[in-house]
Amino acid sequence: MATLLLFAKEPVPGNVKTRLIPPLEAREAATLAQAFLRDIIISLETIPDAILEIAVPTGDSLAAMERLLGPGRRFVSQGEGDLGERLAATTEAAFERRPGPVAAVGADHPNLPASLVAECLDEARRGRVGWIPTEDGGYACLALPRPLPGLFRDVPWDTPDVARATRRNARSLGFALTDLSPWYDVDTVEDLRRLADDLRDGEQCPHTRRALAGLRVRLGGPTPVPEKE
C-alpha cells in the first residue's frame, strides 16, 4: 500500500498565497488556498492502493484543519527544519508506517491530474523515482521506492534551481528521475488566470471554480462558471 503525503498549510489569511496579494485581499487568497486544498484531496483520494496523509507544519492548528476538511482525514506533522529536512523526515516516517512507495505532493496545483500522480507511484514500485517537474523549476510530486533523504539535501528551496539540484542529488545516489508530464504551480496572478482558463470547461475542481467565480474583476479576465448548488 502506497502513501500519499500532501504537504499543506492551514489557510490563514496573510500566511498563504501571499504572492497573489494584491490584487487579491488576504482573505480571498486564503479562501482560494482552502479551495485548492479541498480539490486536490478529492483528486488524490481517487488513486487506488494508496493512503492519503496530510502533512502540516508544526505550528498549524490540527483542530482547524479537521474542521475545514471534515472527519476521517489522516494528519501527520511535517516536523522542524527547512523544507528539505521536513521532506526527508516525513517520507522516512511514512516508510516506517507502511512499506511504500511514498509520494510527496504539493498543494499549489488543484488541477494536477491524479493519473500523473498514480504514474509516479508506479515508477516507484518499479524501483525508480517518479516525479512531475513544474515549469517554474520545482516539482509537483515526487515518488520514492525507499527512503532517500539525500535527495533533499542542499536544495535551494523557493528558487528556480530546485529541480536542477534534485536531479544532481539523484545522480549522486545512483538514481535517474523518471520525468512525467510537466505541470504548473499557481503562485502568481498569471498562473491564476491560466488556471481559470483551464477550468472553464468541465467539472474539475468544484471548490476552486466557486472561489474563482467571485474574482473576475480582480483577475482582469473570464473565470469559470461556478458549479450549481
C-alpha atoms as a PDB file:
ATOM      1  CA  MET A   1       0.000   0.000   0.000  1.00  0.00           C
ATOM      2  CA  ALA A   2       1.428   3.353  -1.068  1.00  0.00           C
ATOM      3  CA  THR A   3       1.406   6.563   0.963  1.00  0.00           C
ATOM      4  CA  LEU A   4       0.482   9.937  -0.498  1.00  0.00           C
ATOM      5  CA  LEU A   5       1.844  12.792   1.609  1.00  0.00           C
ATOM      6  CA  LEU A   6       0.058  16.037   0.784  1.00  0.00           C
ATOM      7  CA  PHE A   7       2.112  18.952   2.090  1.00  0.00           C
ATOM      8  CA  ALA A   8      -0.383  21.630   3.101  1.00  0.00           C
ATOM      9  CA  LYS A   9      -0.635  24.694   5.316  1.00  0.00           C
ATOM     10  CA  GLU A  10      -3.587  25.903   7.319  1.00  0.00           C
ATOM     11  CA  PRO A  11      -5.243  28.549   5.083  1.00  0.00           C
ATOM     12  CA  VAL A  12      -4.814  31.512   7.423  1.00  0.00           C
ATOM     13  CA  PRO A  13      -5.239  34.945   5.776  1.00  0.00           C
ATOM     14  CA  GLY A  14      -1.847  36.563   5.283  1.00  0.00           C
ATOM     15  CA  ASN A  15       0.053  33.259   5.546  1.00  0.00           C
ATOM     16  CA  VAL A  16      -0.951  31.549   2.295  1.00  0.00           C
ATOM     17  CA  LYS A  17      -0.849  32.504  -1.408  1.00  0.00           C
ATOM     18  CA  THR A  18       0.849  35.780  -0.465  1.00  0.00           C
ATOM     19  CA  ARG A  19       2.147  36.365  -3.996  1.00  0.00           C
ATOM     20  CA  LEU A  20      -1.477  36.918  -5.011  1.00  0.00           C
ATOM     21  CA  ILE A  21      -1.818  39.808  -2.518  1.00  0.00           C
ATOM     22  CA  PRO A  22      -2.529  42.211  -4.217  1.00  0.00           C
ATOM     23  CA  PRO A  23      -4.645  42.139  -6.334  1.00  0.00           C
ATOM     24  CA  LEU A  24      -6.419  39.715  -4.015  1.00  0.00           C
ATOM     25  CA  GLU A  25      -7.137  40.539  -0.409  1.00  0.00           C
ATOM     26  CA  ALA A  26      -5.588  38.259   2.208  1.00  0.00           C
ATOM     27  CA  ARG A  27      -8.994  36.768   2.978  1.00  0.00           C
ATOM     28  CA  GLU A  28      -9.633  35.995  -0.687  1.00  0.00           C
ATOM     29  CA  ALA A  29      -6.215  34.386  -1.086  1.00  0.00           C
ATOM     30  CA  ALA A  30      -6.881  32.191   1.960  1.00  0.00           C
ATOM     31  CA  THR A  31     -10.272  31.168   0.560  1.00  0.00           C
ATOM     32  CA  LEU A  32      -8.550  30.215  -2.676  1.00  0.00           C
ATOM     33  CA  ALA A  33      -5.896  28.184  -0.827  1.00  0.00           C
ATOM     34  CA  GLN A  34      -8.646  26.381   1.069  1.00  0.00           C
ATOM     35  CA  ALA A  35     -10.396  25.563  -2.220  1.00  0.00           C
ATOM     36  CA  PHE A  36      -7.132  24.276  -3.741  1.00  0.00           C
ATOM     37  CA  LEU A  37      -6.633  22.004  -0.761  1.00  0.00           C
ATOM     38  CA  ARG A  38     -10.132  20.571  -0.865  1.00  0.00           C
ATOM     39  CA  ASP A  39      -9.940  19.888  -4.593  1.00  0.00           C
ATOM     40  CA  ILE A  40      -6.554  18.187  -4.618  1.00  0.00           C
ATOM     41  CA  ILE A  41      -7.693  15.974  -1.752  1.00  0.00           C
ATOM     42  CA  ILE A  42     -10.742  14.930  -3.782  1.00  0.00           C
ATOM     43  CA  SER A  43      -8.425  14.088  -6.671  1.00  0.00           C
ATOM     44  CA  LEU A  44      -5.797  12.195  -4.664  1.00  0.00           C
ATOM     45  CA  GLU A  45      -8.425  10.107  -2.903  1.00  0.00           C
ATOM     46  CA  THR A  46      -9.345   8.538  -6.252  1.00  0.00           C
ATOM     47  CA  ILE A  47      -5.906   6.887  -6.596  1.00  0.00           C
ATOM     48  CA  PRO A  48      -6.191   3.156  -5.860  1.00  0.00           C
ATOM     49  CA  ASP A  49      -3.954   1.286  -3.420  1.00  0.00           C
ATOM     50  CA  ALA A  50      -2.800   4.475  -1.735  1.00  0.00           C
ATOM     51  CA  ILE A  51      -3.438   6.052   1.660  1.00  0.00           C
ATOM     52  CA  LEU A  52      -3.623   9.843   1.802  1.00  0.00           C
ATOM     53  CA  GLU A  53      -1.953  11.607   4.730  1.00  0.00           C
ATOM     54  CA  ILE A  54      -1.956  15.388   5.095  1.00  0.00           C
ATOM     55  CA  ALA A  55       1.385  16.711   6.350  1.00  0.00           C
ATOM     56  CA  VAL A  56       1.002  20.026   8.180  1.00  0.00           C
ATOM     57  CA  PRO A  57       3.562  22.387   9.755  1.00  0.00           C
ATOM     58  CA  THR A  58       4.045  22.030  13.490  1.00  0.00           C
ATOM     59  CA  GLY A  59       2.575  25.458  14.235  1.00  0.00           C
ATOM     60  CA  ASP A  60      -0.675  24.897  12.363  1.00  0.00           C
ATOM     61  CA  SER A  61      -3.899  24.015  14.137  1.00  0.00           C
ATOM     62  CA  LEU A  62      -4.905  20.406  13.571  1.00  0.00           C
ATOM     63  CA  ALA A  63      -8.325  21.158  15.008  1.00  0.00           C
ATOM     64  CA  ALA A  64      -8.840  23.909  12.443  1.00  0.00           C
ATOM     65  CA  MET A  65      -7.669  21.658   9.626  1.00  0.00           C
ATOM     66  CA  GLU A  66     -10.007  18.888  10.760  1.00  0.00           C
ATOM     67  CA  ARG A  67     -12.936  21.315  10.843  1.00  0.00           C
ATOM     68  CA  LEU A  68     -12.004  22.555   7.379  1.00  0.00           C
ATOM     69  CA  LEU A  69     -11.506  19.171   5.728  1.00  0.00           C
ATOM     70  CA  GLY A  70     -14.009  17.069   7.624  1.00  0.00           C
ATOM     71  CA  PRO A  71     -13.669  13.959   9.783  1.00  0.00           C
ATOM     72  CA  GLY A  72     -11.736  10.863   8.834  1.00  0.00           C
ATOM     73  CA  ARG A  73      -8.625  12.584   7.475  1.00  0.00           C
ATOM     74  CA  ARG A  74      -5.175  11.361   8.430  1.00  0.00           C
ATOM     75  CA  PHE A  75      -2.784  14.084   9.589  1.00  0.00           C
ATOM     76  CA  VAL A  76       0.950  13.920  10.231  1.00  0.00           C
ATOM     77  CA  SER A  77       3.409  16.590  11.305  1.00  0.00           C
ATOM     78  CA  GLN A  78       5.984  17.964   8.892  1.00  0.00           C
ATOM     79  CA  GLY A  79       8.391  18.363  11.801  1.00  0.00           C
ATOM     80  CA  GLU A  80      11.059  21.036  12.096  1.00  0.00           C
ATOM     81  CA  GLY A  81      13.716  22.413   9.768  1.00  0.00           C
ATOM     82  CA  ASP A  82      13.774  23.654   6.206  1.00  0.00           C
ATOM     83  CA  LEU A  83      11.638  22.056   3.526  1.00  0.00           C
ATOM     84  CA  GLY A  84      14.329  19.524   2.643  1.00  0.00           C
ATOM     85  CA  GLU A  85      14.661  18.363   6.237  1.00  0.00           C
ATOM     86  CA  ARG A  86      10.907  18.115   6.574  1.00  0.00           C
ATOM     87  CA  LEU A  87      10.537  16.171   3.332  1.00  0.00           C
ATOM     88  CA  ALA A  88      13.266  13.751   4.390  1.00  0.00           C
ATOM     89  CA  ALA A  89      11.823  13.205   7.865  1.00  0.00           C
ATOM     90  CA  THR A  90       8.210  12.927   6.737  1.00  0.00           C
ATOM     91  CA  THR A  91       8.905  10.471   3.927  1.00  0.00           C
ATOM     92  CA  GLU A  92      11.139   8.324   6.151  1.00  0.00           C
ATOM     93  CA  ALA A  93       8.416   8.195   8.803  1.00  0.00           C
ATOM     94  CA  ALA A  94       5.886   7.158   6.157  1.00  0.00           C
ATOM     95  CA  PHE A  95       8.083   4.196   5.163  1.00  0.00           C
ATOM     96  CA  GLU A  96       8.160   3.166   8.813  1.00  0.00           C
ATOM     97  CA  ARG A  97       4.346   3.065   8.891  1.00  0.00           C
ATOM     98  CA  ARG A  98       3.991   1.001   5.694  1.00  0.00           C
ATOM     99  CA  PRO A  99       6.401  -0.411   3.095  1.00  0.00           C
ATOM    100  CA  GLY A 100       5.741   2.093   0.358  1.00  0.00           C
ATOM    101  CA  PRO A 101       6.156   3.557  -2.125  1.00  0.00           C
ATOM    102  CA  VAL A 102       5.782   7.095  -0.779  1.00  0.00           C
ATOM    103  CA  ALA A 103       4.896  10.181  -2.819  1.00  0.00           C
ATOM    104  CA  ALA A 104       5.162  13.781  -1.643  1.00  0.00           C
ATOM    105  CA  VAL A 105       2.662  16.106  -3.319  1.00  0.00           C
ATOM    106  CA  GLY A 106       2.280  19.875  -3.081  1.00  0.00           C
ATOM    107  CA  ALA A 107      -0.984  21.784  -2.727  1.00  0.00           C
ATOM    108  CA  ASP A 108      -0.318  24.600  -5.211  1.00  0.00           C
ATOM    109  CA  HIS A 109      -1.885  22.854  -8.213  1.00  0.00           C
ATOM    110  CA  PRO A 110      -5.517  21.842  -7.587  1.00  0.00           C
ATOM    111  CA  ASN A 111      -5.955  20.513 -11.137  1.00  0.00           C
ATOM    112  CA  LEU A 112      -2.923  18.208 -11.039  1.00  0.00           C
ATOM    113  CA  PRO A 113      -4.209  15.003 -12.688  1.00  0.00           C
ATOM    114  CA  ALA A 114      -4.477  12.056 -10.326  1.00  0.00           C
ATOM    115  CA  SER A 115      -3.389   9.875 -13.232  1.00  0.00           C
ATOM    116  CA  LEU A 116       0.042  11.547 -13.268  1.00  0.00           C
ATOM    117  CA  VAL A 117       0.470  11.019  -9.520  1.00  0.00           C
ATOM    118  CA  ALA A 118      -0.531   7.375  -9.965  1.00  0.00           C
ATOM    119  CA  GLU A 119       2.117   7.043 -12.692  1.00  0.00           C
ATOM    120  CA  CYS A 120       4.714   8.416 -10.279  1.00  0.00           C
ATOM    121  CA  LEU A 121       3.771   5.723  -7.775  1.00  0.00           C
ATOM    122  CA  ASP A 122       4.012   3.067 -10.479  1.00  0.00           C
ATOM    123  CA  GLU A 123       7.553   4.220 -11.280  1.00  0.00           C
ATOM    124  CA  ALA A 124       8.463   3.961  -7.606  1.00  0.00           C
ATOM    125  CA  ARG A 125       7.002   0.443  -7.444  1.00  0.00           C
ATOM    126  CA  ARG A 126       9.477  -0.453 -10.206  1.00  0.00           C
ATOM    127  CA  GLY A 127      12.342   0.821  -8.065  1.00  0.00           C
ATOM    128  CA  ARG A 128      12.685   4.196  -9.765  1.00  0.00           C
ATOM    129  CA  VAL A 129      11.997   7.760  -8.630  1.00  0.00           C
ATOM    130  CA  GLY A 130       8.990   9.149 -10.463  1.00  0.00           C
ATOM    131  CA  TRP A 131       8.294  12.860 -10.432  1.00  0.00           C
ATOM    132  CA  ILE A 132       6.316  15.673 -12.007  1.00  0.00           C
ATOM    133  CA  PRO A 133       8.528  18.713 -12.593  1.00  0.00           C
ATOM    134  CA  THR A 134       6.924  22.134 -12.738  1.00  0.00           C
ATOM    135  CA  GLU A 135       7.527  24.878 -15.247  1.00  0.00           C
ATOM    136  CA  ASP A 136       8.992  27.217 -12.615  1.00  0.00           C
ATOM    137  CA  GLY A 137      11.896  24.882 -11.831  1.00  0.00           C
ATOM    138  CA  GLY A 138      10.362  22.919  -8.958  1.00  0.00           C
ATOM    139  CA  TYR A 139       8.206  19.824  -8.816  1.00  0.00           C
ATOM    140  CA  ALA A 140       4.608  18.962  -8.004  1.00  0.00           C
ATOM    141  CA  CYS A 141       5.070  15.323  -6.993  1.00  0.00           C
ATOM    142  CA  LEU A 142       7.978  13.025  -6.219  1.00  0.00           C
ATOM    143  CA  ALA A 143       7.534   9.298  -5.527  1.00  0.00           C
ATOM    144  CA  LEU A 144      10.189   7.248  -3.758  1.00  0.00           C
ATOM    145  CA  PRO A 145      10.779   3.479  -3.821  1.00  0.00           C
ATOM    146  CA  ARG A 146      12.606   3.667  -0.476  1.00  0.00           C
ATOM    147  CA  PRO A 147      13.833   6.368   1.924  1.00  0.00           C
ATOM    148  CA  LEU A 148      16.226   8.701   0.098  1.00  0.00           C
ATOM    149  CA  PRO A 149      16.993  11.591   2.468  1.00  0.00           C
ATOM    150  CA  GLY A 150      19.974  12.599   0.345  1.00  0.00           C
ATOM    151  CA  LEU A 151      17.598  13.611  -2.427  1.00  0.00           C
ATOM    152  CA  PHE A 152      16.537  16.642  -0.385  1.00  0.00           C
ATOM    153  CA  ARG A 153      19.942  17.886   0.800  1.00  0.00           C
ATOM    154  CA  ASP A 154      21.464  21.196  -0.295  1.00  0.00           C
ATOM    155  CA  VAL A 155      18.471  22.150  -2.423  1.00  0.00           C
ATOM    156  CA  PRO A 156      17.862  25.919  -2.804  1.00  0.00           C
ATOM    157  CA  TRP A 157      14.161  25.809  -1.971  1.00  0.00           C
ATOM    158  CA  ASP A 158      11.871  28.534  -3.329  1.00  0.00           C
ATOM    159  CA  THR A 159      14.188  29.185  -6.281  1.00  0.00           C
ATOM    160  CA  PRO A 160      14.113  28.107  -9.947  1.00  0.00           C
ATOM    161  CA  ASP A 161      17.018  25.716  -9.201  1.00  0.00           C
ATOM    162  CA  VAL A 162      15.061  23.191  -7.112  1.00  0.00           C
ATOM    163  CA  ALA A 163      14.639  20.679  -9.936  1.00  0.00           C
ATOM    164  CA  ARG A 164      18.243  21.005 -11.102  1.00  0.00           C
ATOM    165  CA  ALA A 165      19.600  20.420  -7.591  1.00  0.00           C
ATOM    166  CA  THR A 166      17.262  17.465  -7.097  1.00  0.00           C
ATOM    167  CA  ARG A 167      18.481  15.895 -10.354  1.00  0.00           C
ATOM    168  CA  ARG A 168      22.057  16.364  -9.181  1.00  0.00           C
ATOM    169  CA  ASN A 169      21.287  14.667  -5.874  1.00  0.00           C
ATOM    170  CA  ALA A 170      19.558  11.797  -7.670  1.00  0.00           C
ATOM    171  CA  ARG A 171      22.614  11.201  -9.851  1.00  0.00           C
ATOM    172  CA  SER A 172      24.871  11.135  -6.799  1.00  0.00           C
ATOM    173  CA  LEU A 173      22.598   8.481  -5.270  1.00  0.00           C
ATOM    174  CA  GLY A 174      22.638   6.390  -8.443  1.00  0.00           C
ATOM    175  CA  PHE A 175      19.070   7.211  -9.459  1.00  0.00           C
ATOM    176  CA  ALA A 176      17.670   8.717 -12.629  1.00  0.00           C
ATOM    177  CA  LEU A 177      14.495  10.668 -12.090  1.00  0.00           C
ATOM    178  CA  THR A 178      11.682   9.498 -14.351  1.00  0.00           C
ATOM    179  CA  ASP A 179      10.038  12.651 -15.707  1.00  0.00           C
ATOM    180  CA  LEU A 180       6.324  12.575 -16.316  1.00  0.00           C
ATOM    181  CA  SER A 181       4.384  15.370 -17.984  1.00  0.00           C
ATOM    182  CA  PRO A 182       5.377  18.751 -16.516  1.00  0.00           C
ATOM    183  CA  TRP A 183       2.750  20.744 -14.667  1.00  0.00           C
ATOM    184  CA  TYR A 184       2.446  24.235 -13.220  1.00  0.00           C
ATOM    185  CA  ASP A 185       2.102  25.785  -9.789  1.00  0.00           C
ATOM    186  CA  VAL A 186      -0.445  28.501  -9.114  1.00  0.00           C
ATOM    187  CA  ASP A 187       1.560  31.193  -7.329  1.00  0.00           C
ATOM    188  CA  THR A 188       1.090  34.370  -9.367  1.00  0.00           C
ATOM    189  CA  VAL A 189      -1.824  36.238 -10.898  1.00  0.00           C
ATOM    190  CA  GLU A 190      -0.734  34.999 -14.329  1.00  0.00           C
ATOM    191  CA  ASP A 191      -0.838  31.421 -13.027  1.00  0.00           C
ATOM    192  CA  LEU A 192      -4.289  32.051 -11.595  1.00  0.00           C
ATOM    193  CA  ARG A 193      -5.579  33.364 -14.917  1.00  0.00           C
ATOM    194  CA  ARG A 194      -4.203  30.253 -16.586  1.00  0.00           C
ATOM    195  CA  LEU A 195      -5.937  28.023 -14.056  1.00  0.00           C
ATOM    196  CA  ALA A 196      -9.208  29.896 -14.517  1.00  0.00           C
ATOM    197  CA  ASP A 197      -8.979  29.374 -18.264  1.00  0.00           C
ATOM    198  CA  ASP A 198      -8.167  25.657 -17.841  1.00  0.00           C
ATOM    199  CA  LEU A 199     -11.200  25.187 -15.596  1.00  0.00           C
ATOM    200  CA  ARG A 200     -13.737  26.953 -17.775  1.00  0.00           C
ATOM    201  CA  ASP A 201     -14.986  23.695 -19.260  1.00  0.00           C
ATOM    202  CA  GLY A 202     -15.782  20.502 -17.399  1.00  0.00           C
ATOM    203  CA  GLU A 203     -16.481  19.798 -13.757  1.00  0.00           C
ATOM    204  CA  GLN A 204     -12.958  19.500 -12.385  1.00  0.00           C
ATOM    205  CA  CYS A 205     -12.055  21.353  -9.146  1.00  0.00           C
ATOM    206  CA  PRO A 206     -15.548  22.410  -7.993  1.00  0.00           C
ATOM    207  CA  HIS A 207     -14.299  24.279  -4.907  1.00  0.00           C
ATOM    208  CA  THR A 208     -11.714  26.227  -6.890  1.00  0.00           C
ATOM    209  CA  ARG A 209     -14.247  27.043  -9.612  1.00  0.00           C
ATOM    210  CA  ARG A 210     -16.592  28.527  -7.000  1.00  0.00           C
ATOM    211  CA  ALA A 211     -13.766  30.523  -5.398  1.00  0.00           C
ATOM    212  CA  LEU A 212     -12.650  31.888  -8.770  1.00  0.00           C
ATOM    213  CA  ALA A 213     -16.160  32.877  -9.789  1.00  0.00           C
ATOM    214  CA  GLY A 214     -16.078  35.899  -7.486  1.00  0.00           C
ATOM    215  CA  LEU A 215     -12.676  37.137  -8.634  1.00  0.00           C
ATOM    216  CA  ARG A 216     -13.391  38.042 -12.264  1.00  0.00           C
ATOM    217  CA  VAL A 217     -12.833  41.799 -11.891  1.00  0.00           C
ATOM    218  CA  ARG A 218      -9.643  41.382  -9.857  1.00  0.00           C
ATOM    219  CA  LEU A 219      -8.162  38.895 -12.315  1.00  0.00           C
ATOM    220  CA  GLY A 220      -8.995  41.018 -15.335  1.00  0.00           C
ATOM    221  CA  GLY A 221     -10.468  38.209 -17.391  1.00  0.00           C
ATOM    222  CA  PRO A 222     -13.089  35.469 -17.621  1.00  0.00           C
ATOM    223  CA  THR A 223     -13.399  32.907 -14.876  1.00  0.00           C
ATOM    224  CA  PRO A 224     -15.073  29.509 -14.752  1.00  0.00           C
ATOM    225  CA  VAL A 225     -18.812  29.282 -14.368  1.00  0.00           C
ATOM    226  CA  PRO A 226     -19.485  28.210 -10.768  1.00  0.00           C
ATOM    227  CA  GLU A 227     -20.973  24.829 -10.045  1.00  0.00           C
ATOM    228  CA  LYS A 228     -24.694  24.699  -9.456  1.00  0.00           C
ATOM    229  CA  GLU A 229     -25.676  24.070  -5.872  1.00  0.00           C
END
